[in-house]
C-alpha cells in the first residue's frame, strides 16, 4: 500500500512524515541498501544537531564502500535509532522500517518547498 507521506531523494534516501507533519523519519531505501551491500557500521548524528536539506546527516559503511546519507528534509535531530547503531545489519534486513536512521523536527516554513524537491512514493522508480 502506498503512503502519501513517504518521499525519496534521487540518492535513494527516504523521509516518512508523521501524521501531524511536524516530524520525519529518515533512512535509506532498499535500492540504496542493495547497491551498498552488507552494511557493517553507521555513524549517526547527535541529538540536537540541525541540518539543511541535502546536508550529509549520517555515514554508512558496508563491506564494499562508505557512503554519505543525505538529508531528504532539513530539521533538528530529535531521535536516533540506537538499535541500528548497535546492529547495523537492520539497514540490510529492513531498511524501510526497523533500519531507520533518525527522526527530525521539521521547520514548517521550509517543509513544503523541500517536499516539492523530493519524489513521492508513487513516482519513485529506483534505477
C-alpha atoms as a PDB file:
ATOM      1  CA  UNK A   1       0.000   0.000   0.000  1.00  0.00           C
ATOM      2  CA  UNK A   2       1.381   3.395  -0.988  1.00  0.00           C
ATOM      3  CA  UNK A   3       1.813   6.082   1.611  1.00  0.00           C
ATOM      4  CA  UNK A   4       1.014   9.725   0.976  1.00  0.00           C
ATOM      5  CA  UNK A   5       3.696  10.722   3.487  1.00  0.00           C
ATOM      6  CA  UNK A   6       6.719   8.834   2.104  1.00  0.00           C
ATOM      7  CA  UNK A   7       9.212  10.647  -0.129  1.00  0.00           C
ATOM      8  CA  UNK A   8      12.551   9.759  -1.718  1.00  0.00           C
ATOM      9  CA  UNK A   9      15.636  11.599  -2.941  1.00  0.00           C
ATOM     10  CA  UNK A  10      17.460  10.902  -6.190  1.00  0.00           C
ATOM     11  CA  UNK A  11      20.222   9.472  -3.960  1.00  0.00           C
ATOM     12  CA  UNK A  12      17.757   6.873  -2.563  1.00  0.00           C
ATOM     13  CA  UNK A  13      17.225   8.214   0.932  1.00  0.00           C
ATOM     14  CA  UNK A  14      13.680   8.388   2.245  1.00  0.00           C
ATOM     15  CA  UNK A  15      11.654  10.594   4.577  1.00  0.00           C
ATOM     16  CA  UNK A  16       8.396   9.475   6.174  1.00  0.00           C
ATOM     17  CA  UNK A  17       6.353  12.351   7.573  1.00  0.00           C
ATOM     18  CA  UNK A  18       4.456  11.895  10.807  1.00  0.00           C
ATOM     19  CA  UNK A  19       0.668  12.144  10.687  1.00  0.00           C
ATOM     20  CA  UNK A  20       0.806  15.707  12.034  1.00  0.00           C
ATOM     21  CA  UNK A  21       3.576  16.751   9.619  1.00  0.00           C
ATOM     22  CA  UNK A  22       5.780  18.021  12.461  1.00  0.00           C
ATOM     23  CA  UNK A  23       8.464  15.341  12.272  1.00  0.00           C
ATOM     24  CA  UNK A  24      10.002  12.971   9.762  1.00  0.00           C
ATOM     25  CA  UNK A  25      11.825   9.663   9.993  1.00  0.00           C
ATOM     26  CA  UNK A  26      14.872   9.355   7.720  1.00  0.00           C
ATOM     27  CA  UNK A  27      16.503   6.252   6.226  1.00  0.00           C
ATOM     28  CA  UNK A  28      17.936   4.647   3.110  1.00  0.00           C
ATOM     29  CA  UNK A  29      15.885   2.833   0.502  1.00  0.00           C
ATOM     30  CA  UNK A  30      16.035  -0.837  -0.353  1.00  0.00           C
ATOM     31  CA  UNK A  31      17.712   0.204  -3.618  1.00  0.00           C
ATOM     32  CA  UNK A  32      20.469   2.043  -1.721  1.00  0.00           C
ATOM     33  CA  UNK A  33      20.962  -0.937   0.572  1.00  0.00           C
ATOM     34  CA  UNK A  34      21.183  -3.287  -2.424  1.00  0.00           C
ATOM     35  CA  UNK A  35      23.813  -1.036  -4.033  1.00  0.00           C
ATOM     36  CA  UNK A  36      25.860  -0.770  -0.841  1.00  0.00           C
ATOM     37  CA  UNK A  37      25.808  -4.428   0.090  1.00  0.00           C
ATOM     38  CA  UNK A  38      26.126  -5.592   3.688  1.00  0.00           C
ATOM     39  CA  UNK A  39      26.180  -2.549   5.970  1.00  0.00           C
ATOM     40  CA  UNK A  40      28.571  -3.073   8.868  1.00  0.00           C
ATOM     41  CA  UNK A  41      28.690   0.382  10.528  1.00  0.00           C
ATOM     42  CA  UNK A  42      26.538   3.505  10.758  1.00  0.00           C
ATOM     43  CA  UNK A  43      27.666   6.906  12.004  1.00  0.00           C
ATOM     44  CA  UNK A  44      24.550   8.662  13.270  1.00  0.00           C
ATOM     45  CA  UNK A  45      24.330  12.349  14.223  1.00  0.00           C
ATOM     46  CA  UNK A  46      23.939  13.691  17.740  1.00  0.00           C
ATOM     47  CA  UNK A  47      20.515  14.655  19.025  1.00  0.00           C
ATOM     48  CA  UNK A  48      20.005  18.406  18.729  1.00  0.00           C
ATOM     49  CA  UNK A  49      22.087  18.822  15.557  1.00  0.00           C
ATOM     50  CA  UNK A  50      20.342  20.714  12.760  1.00  0.00           C
ATOM     51  CA  UNK A  51      20.709  20.012   9.072  1.00  0.00           C
ATOM     52  CA  UNK A  52      19.625  21.707   5.868  1.00  0.00           C
ATOM     53  CA  UNK A  53      18.057  19.672   3.090  1.00  0.00           C
ATOM     54  CA  UNK A  54      20.686  17.509   1.320  1.00  0.00           C
ATOM     55  CA  UNK A  55      23.336  18.021   4.020  1.00  0.00           C
ATOM     56  CA  UNK A  56      25.210  14.862   4.961  1.00  0.00           C
ATOM     57  CA  UNK A  57      23.356  13.620   8.036  1.00  0.00           C
ATOM     58  CA  UNK A  58      24.959  10.217   8.533  1.00  0.00           C
ATOM     59  CA  UNK A  59      27.505   7.846   7.041  1.00  0.00           C
ATOM     60  CA  UNK A  60      27.182   4.139   6.336  1.00  0.00           C
ATOM     61  CA  UNK A  61      29.988   1.696   5.798  1.00  0.00           C
ATOM     62  CA  UNK A  62      29.487  -1.571   4.011  1.00  0.00           C
ATOM     63  CA  UNK A  63      31.806  -4.386   3.106  1.00  0.00           C
ATOM     64  CA  UNK A  64      32.159  -2.647  -0.285  1.00  0.00           C
ATOM     65  CA  UNK A  65      32.360   1.087   0.471  1.00  0.00           C
ATOM     66  CA  UNK A  66      31.424   4.030   2.664  1.00  0.00           C
ATOM     67  CA  UNK A  67      28.602   6.351   1.643  1.00  0.00           C
ATOM     68  CA  UNK A  68      27.065   9.585   2.827  1.00  0.00           C
ATOM     69  CA  UNK A  69      23.409   9.662   3.821  1.00  0.00           C
ATOM     70  CA  UNK A  70      21.922  12.929   2.605  1.00  0.00           C
ATOM     71  CA  UNK A  71      19.074  14.591   4.464  1.00  0.00           C
ATOM     72  CA  UNK A  72      15.882  14.495   2.382  1.00  0.00           C
ATOM     73  CA  UNK A  73      14.483  17.303   4.535  1.00  0.00           C
ATOM     74  CA  UNK A  74      16.027  19.890   6.803  1.00  0.00           C
ATOM     75  CA  UNK A  75      15.417  19.883  10.519  1.00  0.00           C
ATOM     76  CA  UNK A  76      16.713  19.177  14.001  1.00  0.00           C
ATOM     77  CA  UNK A  77      17.564  15.639  15.077  1.00  0.00           C
ATOM     78  CA  UNK A  78      15.249  14.601  17.911  1.00  0.00           C
ATOM     79  CA  UNK A  79      15.995  10.869  17.980  1.00  0.00           C
ATOM     80  CA  UNK A  80      18.488   8.411  16.512  1.00  0.00           C
ATOM     81  CA  UNK A  81      17.976   4.695  16.058  1.00  0.00           C
ATOM     82  CA  UNK A  82      20.154   3.224  18.806  1.00  0.00           C
ATOM     83  CA  UNK A  83      19.116  -0.274  17.724  1.00  0.00           C
ATOM     84  CA  UNK A  84      20.649   0.450  14.306  1.00  0.00           C
ATOM     85  CA  UNK A  85      23.828   1.766  15.899  1.00  0.00           C
ATOM     86  CA  UNK A  86      24.085  -1.472  17.903  1.00  0.00           C
ATOM     87  CA  UNK A  87      23.113  -3.692  14.962  1.00  0.00           C
ATOM     88  CA  UNK A  88      23.847  -2.044  11.570  1.00  0.00           C
ATOM     89  CA  UNK A  89      22.500  -5.174   9.861  1.00  0.00           C
ATOM     90  CA  UNK A  90      18.998  -3.756  10.475  1.00  0.00           C
ATOM     91  CA  UNK A  91      19.696  -1.482   7.495  1.00  0.00           C
ATOM     92  CA  UNK A  92      20.264  -4.629   5.430  1.00  0.00           C
ATOM     93  CA  UNK A  93      17.251  -6.631   6.543  1.00  0.00           C
ATOM     94  CA  UNK A  94      14.657  -3.864   6.961  1.00  0.00           C
ATOM     95  CA  UNK A  95      15.888  -0.516   5.577  1.00  0.00           C
ATOM     96  CA  UNK A  96      12.387   0.922   5.212  1.00  0.00           C
ATOM     97  CA  UNK A  97      11.245   0.204   8.770  1.00  0.00           C
ATOM     98  CA  UNK A  98      13.404  -1.136  11.632  1.00  0.00           C
ATOM     99  CA  UNK A  99      16.557   0.166   9.890  1.00  0.00           C
ATOM    100  CA  UNK A 100      15.581   3.845  10.064  1.00  0.00           C
ATOM    101  CA  UNK A 101      18.408   6.277  10.893  1.00  0.00           C
ATOM    102  CA  UNK A 102      16.957   9.304  12.681  1.00  0.00           C
ATOM    103  CA  UNK A 103      13.895  11.364  13.397  1.00  0.00           C
ATOM    104  CA  UNK A 104      13.892  15.102  12.856  1.00  0.00           C
ATOM    105  CA  UNK A 105      11.692  18.004  13.843  1.00  0.00           C
ATOM    106  CA  UNK A 106      10.756  19.824  10.651  1.00  0.00           C
ATOM    107  CA  UNK A 107      10.768  23.576  10.084  1.00  0.00           C
ATOM    108  CA  UNK A 108       7.214  24.284   8.862  1.00  0.00           C
ATOM    109  CA  UNK A 109       8.438  27.343   6.943  1.00  0.00           C
ATOM    110  CA  UNK A 110      10.648  25.147   4.741  1.00  0.00           C
ATOM    111  CA  UNK A 111       8.853  21.793   4.568  1.00  0.00           C
ATOM    112  CA  UNK A 112       6.509  22.478   1.625  1.00  0.00           C
ATOM    113  CA  UNK A 113       9.328  23.815  -0.588  1.00  0.00           C
ATOM    114  CA  UNK A 114      11.598  20.933   0.394  1.00  0.00           C
ATOM    115  CA  UNK A 115       8.922  18.290  -0.259  1.00  0.00           C
ATOM    116  CA  UNK A 116       8.459  19.715  -3.758  1.00  0.00           C
ATOM    117  CA  UNK A 117      12.087  18.703  -4.483  1.00  0.00           C
ATOM    118  CA  UNK A 118      11.509  15.072  -3.440  1.00  0.00           C
ATOM    119  CA  UNK A 119       9.930  12.133  -5.227  1.00  0.00           C
ATOM    120  CA  UNK A 120       6.600  10.899  -3.803  1.00  0.00           C
ATOM    121  CA  UNK A 121       6.457   7.161  -3.206  1.00  0.00           C
ATOM    122  CA  UNK A 122       4.023   6.601  -6.104  1.00  0.00           C
ATOM    123  CA  UNK A 123       6.527   8.149  -8.553  1.00  0.00           C
ATOM    124  CA  UNK A 124       9.727   6.624  -7.102  1.00  0.00           C
ATOM    125  CA  UNK A 125      11.402   4.343  -9.640  1.00  0.00           C
ATOM    126  CA  UNK A 126      14.879   3.373  -8.468  1.00  0.00           C
ATOM    127  CA  UNK A 127      17.337   2.581 -11.217  1.00  0.00           C
END
